[in-house]
Amino acid sequence: MTIETVIFDFEGTLVDFQWQLEPAQAELRRAFAAQGLAVDGNYAQMWNAAVDRAPGAAQVHALRAALGPVYDRWDADALARWAPRAGAVALLHALAVRGVTAAMVSNIGRSALATALDSCGLGRSLAPVLSRDDVVHMKPHPEGVRAVLAMRGIEPAEALFVGDSLADVAAARAAGVRVAIVRGGECAATAFDAMPPDHFVDTLAQVEALVDSWDAPGGPRDAGT
């Protein structure tokens, strides 16, 4: 099948990675503990573990009210430094010319994400855009990826996920979507040893070549090195 939609991650993929993981996760761990929740893992795994223990929508809403401001503060801190990765705007334009739609599933919150997409000139090319505020579970859970597939009315084989982290690989795989990882984002190359993506790329320009290869005789080929 040809690629109908490319689903992008945001930070580390279309913009550089600026979240200060260690201090952010330390503060989040304390904030979850203050809510009586002993959770571990990274910022997304802690959230997912907490909402899985929440018995209903009201409890998830209460978690958002208590923990959302902490996540939002670290988003705002990163927002001050985010800059588009080379080729981001050009790639979205090239996909549109080919009739390939572009969507986004991000663990960044709605406020910072909307501001950043607008300031970087990326927002008009992406729909839908799902932030962590638009789903119950963050990646590596596949909820957001599956939601985009449903909104676009496409099969998993008609989509390609482009990200930069192990969480992106896990979310895409769980949704049945092939995944390309852009090197130089959140995770070091060795992080993918146990769960390699379908493709590695060094630049966003190589994503365009990868999408084109789906239409070429013989099917997709690795656009990376």
C-alpha atoms as a PDB file:
ATOM      1  CA  MET A   1       0.000   0.000   0.000  1.00  0.00           C
ATOM      2  CA  THR A   2       1.046   3.590  -0.503  1.00  0.00           C
ATOM      3  CA  ILE A   3       1.459   5.921   2.456  1.00  0.00           C
ATOM      4  CA  GLU A   4      -1.665   8.044   2.926  1.00  0.00           C
ATOM      5  CA  THR A   5      -0.682   9.725   6.204  1.00  0.00           C
ATOM      6  CA  VAL A   6       2.571  10.397   7.995  1.00  0.00           C
ATOM      7  CA  ILE A   7       2.072  10.714  11.753  1.00  0.00           C
ATOM      8  CA  PHE A   8       4.761  12.794  13.423  1.00  0.00           C
ATOM      9  CA  ASP A   9       6.007  13.087  16.943  1.00  0.00           C
ATOM     10  CA  PHE A  10       6.874  16.681  17.880  1.00  0.00           C
ATOM     11  CA  GLU A  11       9.822  17.232  20.211  1.00  0.00           C
ATOM     12  CA  GLY A  12      13.033  15.668  18.966  1.00  0.00           C
ATOM     13  CA  THR A  13      11.400  14.990  15.595  1.00  0.00           C
ATOM     14  CA  LEU A  14      10.141  18.222  14.007  1.00  0.00           C
ATOM     15  CA  VAL A  15      11.871  20.420  16.605  1.00  0.00           C
ATOM     16  CA  ASP A  16      14.979  19.807  18.659  1.00  0.00           C
ATOM     17  CA  PHE A  17      14.720  18.035  22.009  1.00  0.00           C
ATOM     18  CA  GLN A  18      14.760  20.494  24.922  1.00  0.00           C
ATOM     19  CA  TRP A  19      12.800  18.909  27.776  1.00  0.00           C
ATOM     20  CA  GLN A  20      15.017  18.699  30.870  1.00  0.00           C
ATOM     21  CA  LEU A  21      14.271  15.088  31.630  1.00  0.00           C
ATOM     22  CA  GLU A  22      16.120  14.477  34.908  1.00  0.00           C
ATOM     23  CA  PRO A  23      14.840  17.449  36.952  1.00  0.00           C
ATOM     24  CA  ALA A  24      11.381  17.232  35.372  1.00  0.00           C
ATOM     25  CA  GLN A  25      10.980  13.566  36.200  1.00  0.00           C
ATOM     26  CA  ALA A  26      12.278  14.074  39.725  1.00  0.00           C
ATOM     27  CA  GLU A  27       9.652  16.771  40.326  1.00  0.00           C
ATOM     28  CA  LEU A  28       6.934  14.648  38.754  1.00  0.00           C
ATOM     29  CA  ARG A  29       7.854  11.676  40.931  1.00  0.00           C
ATOM     30  CA  ARG A  30       7.441  13.865  44.028  1.00  0.00           C
ATOM     31  CA  ALA A  31       4.155  15.242  42.704  1.00  0.00           C
ATOM     32  CA  PHE A  32       2.741  11.765  42.086  1.00  0.00           C
ATOM     33  CA  ALA A  33       3.878  10.697  45.568  1.00  0.00           C
ATOM     34  CA  ALA A  34       2.033  13.675  47.032  1.00  0.00           C
ATOM     35  CA  GLN A  35      -1.105  12.222  45.436  1.00  0.00           C
ATOM     36  CA  GLY A  36      -0.424   8.888  47.126  1.00  0.00           C
ATOM     37  CA  LEU A  37       0.858   7.288  43.928  1.00  0.00           C
ATOM     38  CA  ALA A  38       4.153   5.409  44.011  1.00  0.00           C
ATOM     39  CA  VAL A  39       4.921   5.277  40.285  1.00  0.00           C
ATOM     40  CA  ASP A  40       8.181   4.804  38.467  1.00  0.00           C
ATOM     41  CA  GLY A  41       9.626   5.108  34.979  1.00  0.00           C
ATOM     42  CA  ASN A  42       9.870   8.173  32.795  1.00  0.00           C
ATOM     43  CA  TYR A  43       7.408  11.067  32.612  1.00  0.00           C
ATOM     44  CA  ALA A  44       5.023   9.160  30.306  1.00  0.00           C
ATOM     45  CA  GLN A  45       5.252   5.809  32.080  1.00  0.00           C
ATOM     46  CA  MET A  46       4.490   7.470  35.425  1.00  0.00           C
ATOM     47  CA  TRP A  47       1.388   9.112  33.968  1.00  0.00           C
ATOM     48  CA  ASN A  48       0.148   5.949  32.282  1.00  0.00           C
ATOM     49  CA  ALA A  49       0.608   3.914  35.459  1.00  0.00           C
ATOM     50  CA  ALA A  50      -1.327   6.508  37.437  1.00  0.00           C
ATOM     51  CA  VAL A  51      -4.305   6.716  35.070  1.00  0.00           C
ATOM     52  CA  ASP A  52      -4.461   2.921  34.858  1.00  0.00           C
ATOM     53  CA  ARG A  53      -5.124   2.950  38.599  1.00  0.00           C
ATOM     54  CA  ALA A  54      -7.790   5.654  38.307  1.00  0.00           C
ATOM     55  CA  PRO A  55     -11.250   4.041  38.515  1.00  0.00           C
ATOM     56  CA  GLY A  56     -13.055   6.504  36.254  1.00  0.00           C
ATOM     57  CA  ALA A  57     -13.125   9.704  34.226  1.00  0.00           C
ATOM     58  CA  ALA A  58     -13.545  11.891  37.291  1.00  0.00           C
ATOM     59  CA  GLN A  59     -10.370  10.506  38.836  1.00  0.00           C
ATOM     60  CA  VAL A  60      -8.430  11.013  35.592  1.00  0.00           C
ATOM     61  CA  HIS A  61      -9.688  14.605  35.532  1.00  0.00           C
ATOM     62  CA  ALA A  62      -8.472  15.054  39.109  1.00  0.00           C
ATOM     63  CA  LEU A  63      -5.051  13.730  38.113  1.00  0.00           C
ATOM     64  CA  ARG A  64      -4.897  16.227  35.253  1.00  0.00           C
ATOM     65  CA  ALA A  65      -5.757  19.048  37.622  1.00  0.00           C
ATOM     66  CA  ALA A  66      -3.068  17.997  40.096  1.00  0.00           C
ATOM     67  CA  LEU A  67      -0.260  16.930  37.758  1.00  0.00           C
ATOM     68  CA  GLY A  68      -0.958  18.870  34.569  1.00  0.00           C
ATOM     69  CA  PRO A  69       0.571  22.114  35.861  1.00  0.00           C
ATOM     70  CA  VAL A  70       3.866  20.326  36.561  1.00  0.00           C
ATOM     71  CA  TYR A  71       4.030  18.917  33.037  1.00  0.00           C
ATOM     72  CA  ASP A  72       3.001  22.299  31.650  1.00  0.00           C
ATOM     73  CA  ARG A  73       5.818  24.126  33.451  1.00  0.00           C
ATOM     74  CA  TRP A  74       8.435  21.863  31.900  1.00  0.00           C
ATOM     75  CA  ASP A  75       6.756  22.269  28.508  1.00  0.00           C
ATOM     76  CA  ALA A  76       6.988  26.041  28.914  1.00  0.00           C
ATOM     77  CA  ASP A  77      10.644  25.767  29.847  1.00  0.00           C
ATOM     78  CA  ALA A  78      11.370  23.784  26.664  1.00  0.00           C
ATOM     79  CA  LEU A  79       9.193  26.106  24.572  1.00  0.00           C
ATOM     80  CA  ALA A  80      11.635  28.946  25.162  1.00  0.00           C
ATOM     81  CA  ARG A  81      14.347  26.957  23.339  1.00  0.00           C
ATOM     82  CA  TRP A  82      12.573  24.873  20.692  1.00  0.00           C
ATOM     83  CA  ALA A  83      13.630  25.435  17.102  1.00  0.00           C
ATOM     84  CA  PRO A  84      12.570  23.494  13.997  1.00  0.00           C
ATOM     85  CA  ARG A  85      14.870  20.715  12.899  1.00  0.00           C
ATOM     86  CA  ALA A  86      16.401  21.316   9.494  1.00  0.00           C
ATOM     87  CA  GLY A  87      13.965  20.503   6.716  1.00  0.00           C
ATOM     88  CA  ALA A  88      10.823  20.315   8.871  1.00  0.00           C
ATOM     89  CA  VAL A  89       8.794  22.931   7.013  1.00  0.00           C
ATOM     90  CA  ALA A  90      10.027  21.704   3.627  1.00  0.00           C
ATOM     91  CA  LEU A  91       9.089  18.112   4.431  1.00  0.00           C
ATOM     92  CA  LEU A  92       5.519  18.987   5.388  1.00  0.00           C
ATOM     93  CA  HIS A  93       5.181  21.026   2.187  1.00  0.00           C
ATOM     94  CA  ALA A  94       6.580  18.177   0.076  1.00  0.00           C
ATOM     95  CA  LEU A  95       4.140  15.692   1.607  1.00  0.00           C
ATOM     96  CA  ALA A  96       1.211  18.015   0.890  1.00  0.00           C
ATOM     97  CA  VAL A  97       2.309  18.349  -2.742  1.00  0.00           C
ATOM     98  CA  ARG A  98       2.266  14.550  -3.008  1.00  0.00           C
ATOM     99  CA  GLY A  99      -1.214  14.376  -1.515  1.00  0.00           C
ATOM    100  CA  VAL A 100       0.068  12.742   1.674  1.00  0.00           C
ATOM    101  CA  THR A 101      -1.581  14.090   4.809  1.00  0.00           C
ATOM    102  CA  ALA A 102       0.409  14.820   7.971  1.00  0.00           C
ATOM    103  CA  ALA A 103      -0.790  14.377  11.553  1.00  0.00           C
ATOM    104  CA  MET A 104       0.780  14.537  14.992  1.00  0.00           C
ATOM    105  CA  VAL A 105       0.704  12.584  18.247  1.00  0.00           C
ATOM    106  CA  SER A 106       2.763  14.242  20.966  1.00  0.00           C
ATOM    107  CA  ASN A 107       3.325  13.875  24.698  1.00  0.00           C
ATOM    108  CA  ILE A 108       3.613  17.663  24.921  1.00  0.00           C
ATOM    109  CA  GLY A 109       0.596  19.507  26.319  1.00  0.00           C
ATOM    110  CA  ARG A 110      -1.889  21.412  24.176  1.00  0.00           C
ATOM    111  CA  SER A 111      -0.891  24.952  25.174  1.00  0.00           C
ATOM    112  CA  ALA A 112       2.839  24.705  24.510  1.00  0.00           C
ATOM    113  CA  LEU A 113       2.315  22.543  21.430  1.00  0.00           C
ATOM    114  CA  ALA A 114      -0.083  24.992  19.781  1.00  0.00           C
ATOM    115  CA  THR A 115       2.226  27.923  20.500  1.00  0.00           C
ATOM    116  CA  ALA A 116       5.276  26.116  19.168  1.00  0.00           C
ATOM    117  CA  LEU A 117       3.598  24.840  16.007  1.00  0.00           C
ATOM    118  CA  ASP A 118       2.410  28.350  15.216  1.00  0.00           C
ATOM    119  CA  SER A 119       5.758  30.034  15.892  1.00  0.00           C
ATOM    120  CA  CYS A 120       7.650  27.395  13.875  1.00  0.00           C
ATOM    121  CA  GLY A 121       5.274  27.610  10.926  1.00  0.00           C
ATOM    122  CA  LEU A 122       4.222  23.963  11.199  1.00  0.00           C
ATOM    123  CA  GLY A 123       0.681  24.011  12.501  1.00  0.00           C
ATOM    124  CA  ARG A 124      -1.263  24.547   9.257  1.00  0.00           C
ATOM    125  CA  SER A 125       0.243  21.420   7.716  1.00  0.00           C
ATOM    126  CA  LEU A 126      -0.813  19.021  10.485  1.00  0.00           C
ATOM    127  CA  ALA A 127      -4.267  17.614  11.212  1.00  0.00           C
ATOM    128  CA  PRO A 128      -5.245  16.157  13.510  1.00  0.00           C
ATOM    129  CA  VAL A 129      -2.806  17.251  16.211  1.00  0.00           C
ATOM    130  CA  LEU A 130      -3.208  15.200  19.385  1.00  0.00           C
ATOM    131  CA  SER A 131      -1.430  16.417  22.507  1.00  0.00           C
ATOM    132  CA  ARG A 132      -1.231  14.594  25.836  1.00  0.00           C
ATOM    133  CA  ASP A 133      -4.333  16.582  26.846  1.00  0.00           C
ATOM    134  CA  ASP A 134      -6.337  14.940  24.061  1.00  0.00           C
ATOM    135  CA  VAL A 135      -5.763  11.329  25.132  1.00  0.00           C
ATOM    136  CA  VAL A 136      -5.896   9.364  28.359  1.00  0.00           C
ATOM    137  CA  HIS A 137      -2.569   7.584  27.828  1.00  0.00           C
ATOM    138  CA  MET A 138       0.682   9.023  26.539  1.00  0.00           C
ATOM    139  CA  LYS A 139       3.031   7.195  24.200  1.00  0.00           C
ATOM    140  CA  PRO A 140       4.333   4.449  24.452  1.00  0.00           C
ATOM    141  CA  HIS A 141       0.644   3.569  24.681  1.00  0.00           C
ATOM    142  CA  PRO A 142      -0.854   3.378  21.150  1.00  0.00           C
ATOM    143  CA  GLU A 143      -4.039   5.297  21.993  1.00  0.00           C
ATOM    144  CA  GLY A 144      -3.071   8.465  20.124  1.00  0.00           C
ATOM    145  CA  VAL A 145      -1.811   6.647  17.028  1.00  0.00           C
ATOM    146  CA  ARG A 146      -4.963   4.544  16.842  1.00  0.00           C
ATOM    147  CA  ALA A 147      -7.082   7.684  17.207  1.00  0.00           C
ATOM    148  CA  VAL A 148      -5.367   9.301  14.208  1.00  0.00           C
ATOM    149  CA  LEU A 149      -5.946   6.185  12.102  1.00  0.00           C
ATOM    150  CA  ALA A 150      -9.632   6.265  13.011  1.00  0.00           C
ATOM    151  CA  MET A 151      -9.957  10.001  12.335  1.00  0.00           C
ATOM    152  CA  ARG A 152      -8.277   9.623   8.947  1.00  0.00           C
ATOM    153  CA  GLY A 153     -10.187   6.454   8.100  1.00  0.00           C
ATOM    154  CA  ILE A 154      -7.053   4.570   7.075  1.00  0.00           C
ATOM    155  CA  GLU A 155      -5.527   1.197   7.795  1.00  0.00           C
ATOM    156  CA  PRO A 156      -2.272   0.874   9.771  1.00  0.00           C
ATOM    157  CA  ALA A 157      -0.458  -0.222   6.596  1.00  0.00           C
ATOM    158  CA  GLU A 158      -1.333   3.135   5.013  1.00  0.00           C
ATOM    159  CA  ALA A 159       0.478   5.140   7.681  1.00  0.00           C
ATOM    160  CA  LEU A 160       4.062   5.814   8.670  1.00  0.00           C
ATOM    161  CA  PHE A 161       5.009   7.108  12.113  1.00  0.00           C
ATOM    162  CA  VAL A 162       8.065   9.366  12.329  1.00  0.00           C
ATOM    163  CA  GLY A 163       9.566   9.895  15.779  1.00  0.00           C
ATOM    164  CA  ASP A 164      12.765   9.989  17.753  1.00  0.00           C
ATOM    165  CA  SER A 165      12.248   7.843  20.832  1.00  0.00           C
ATOM    166  CA  LEU A 166      11.709   4.295  21.984  1.00  0.00           C
ATOM    167  CA  ALA A 167       8.214   5.338  23.093  1.00  0.00           C
ATOM    168  CA  ASP A 168       7.458   6.268  19.480  1.00  0.00           C
ATOM    169  CA  VAL A 169       8.549   2.829  18.269  1.00  0.00           C
ATOM    170  CA  ALA A 170       6.450   1.092  20.930  1.00  0.00           C
ATOM    171  CA  ALA A 171       3.318   3.168  20.230  1.00  0.00           C
ATOM    172  CA  ALA A 172       3.546   2.698  16.473  1.00  0.00           C
ATOM    173  CA  ARG A 173       4.226  -1.028  16.731  1.00  0.00           C
ATOM    174  CA  ALA A 174       1.300  -1.576  19.094  1.00  0.00           C
ATOM    175  CA  ALA A 175      -0.941   0.192  16.571  1.00  0.00           C
ATOM    176  CA  GLY A 176       0.423  -1.883  13.677  1.00  0.00           C
ATOM    177  CA  VAL A 177       2.090   1.117  12.006  1.00  0.00           C
ATOM    178  CA  ARG A 178       5.564   1.139  10.519  1.00  0.00           C
ATOM    179  CA  VAL A 179       7.946   3.584  12.151  1.00  0.00           C
ATOM    180  CA  ALA A 180      10.973   5.628  11.155  1.00  0.00           C
ATOM    181  CA  ILE A 181      13.287   7.122  13.765  1.00  0.00           C
ATOM    182  CA  VAL A 182      15.136  10.381  13.150  1.00  0.00           C
ATOM    183  CA  ARG A 183      18.530  10.125  14.784  1.00  0.00           C
ATOM    184  CA  GLY A 184      19.626  12.817  17.215  1.00  0.00           C
ATOM    185  CA  GLY A 185      16.431  13.187  19.247  1.00  0.00           C
ATOM    186  CA  GLU A 186      15.472  12.033  22.747  1.00  0.00           C
ATOM    187  CA  CYS A 187      17.046   8.573  22.633  1.00  0.00           C
ATOM    188  CA  ALA A 188      20.565   7.473  21.822  1.00  0.00           C
ATOM    189  CA  ALA A 189      20.969   4.956  19.008  1.00  0.00           C
ATOM    190  CA  THR A 190      21.715   2.149  21.469  1.00  0.00           C
ATOM    191  CA  ALA A 191      18.259   2.583  23.065  1.00  0.00           C
ATOM    192  CA  PHE A 192      16.724   0.897  20.029  1.00  0.00           C
ATOM    193  CA  ASP A 193      18.819  -2.280  20.165  1.00  0.00           C
ATOM    194  CA  ALA A 194      16.013  -4.327  21.733  1.00  0.00           C
ATOM    195  CA  MET A 195      13.236  -2.725  19.656  1.00  0.00           C
ATOM    196  CA  PRO A 196      14.609  -1.380  16.371  1.00  0.00           C
ATOM    197  CA  PRO A 197      12.378   0.734  14.134  1.00  0.00           C
ATOM    198  CA  ASP A 198      11.590  -0.220  10.569  1.00  0.00           C
ATOM    199  CA  HIS A 199      13.818   2.614   9.356  1.00  0.00           C
ATOM    200  CA  PHE A 200      16.430   5.017  10.658  1.00  0.00           C
ATOM    201  CA  VAL A 201      16.923   8.383   8.974  1.00  0.00           C
ATOM    202  CA  ASP A 202      19.570  11.002   9.628  1.00  0.00           C
ATOM    203  CA  THR A 203      17.601  13.955   8.234  1.00  0.00           C
ATOM    204  CA  LEU A 204      13.967  14.847   7.711  1.00  0.00           C
ATOM    205  CA  ALA A 205      14.636  15.099   3.977  1.00  0.00           C
ATOM    206  CA  GLN A 206      15.162  11.337   3.989  1.00  0.00           C
ATOM    207  CA  VAL A 207      11.570  10.865   5.196  1.00  0.00           C
ATOM    208  CA  GLU A 208      10.379  12.270   1.871  1.00  0.00           C
ATOM    209  CA  ALA A 209      12.494   9.704   0.024  1.00  0.00           C
ATOM    210  CA  LEU A 210      11.163   6.955   2.274  1.00  0.00           C
ATOM    211  CA  VAL A 211       7.540   7.878   1.515  1.00  0.00           C
ATOM    212  CA  ASP A 212       8.331   7.999  -2.214  1.00  0.00           C
ATOM    213  CA  SER A 213       9.836   4.512  -2.026  1.00  0.00           C
ATOM    214  CA  TRP A 214       6.452   3.022  -1.115  1.00  0.00           C
ATOM    215  CA  ASP A 215       5.328   3.788  -4.671  1.00  0.00           C
ATOM    216  CA  ALA A 216       8.489   2.442  -6.277  1.00  0.00           C
ATOM    217  CA  PRO A 217       8.744  -1.054  -7.795  1.00  0.00           C
ATOM    218  CA  GLY A 218       9.896  -3.472  -5.128  1.00  0.00           C
ATOM    219  CA  GLY A 219       8.315  -1.581  -2.247  1.00  0.00           C
ATOM    220  CA  PRO A 220       9.866   0.455   0.560  1.00  0.00           C
ATOM    221  CA  ARG A 221      13.569   0.637   1.126  1.00  0.00           C
ATOM    222  CA  ASP A 222      15.525   2.063   4.027  1.00  0.00           C
ATOM    223  CA  ALA A 223      16.238   5.739   3.387  1.00  0.00           C
ATOM    224  CA  GLY A 224      18.754   5.890   6.213  1.00  0.00           C
ATOM    225  CA  THR A 225      22.290   4.636   6.549  1.00  0.00           C
END
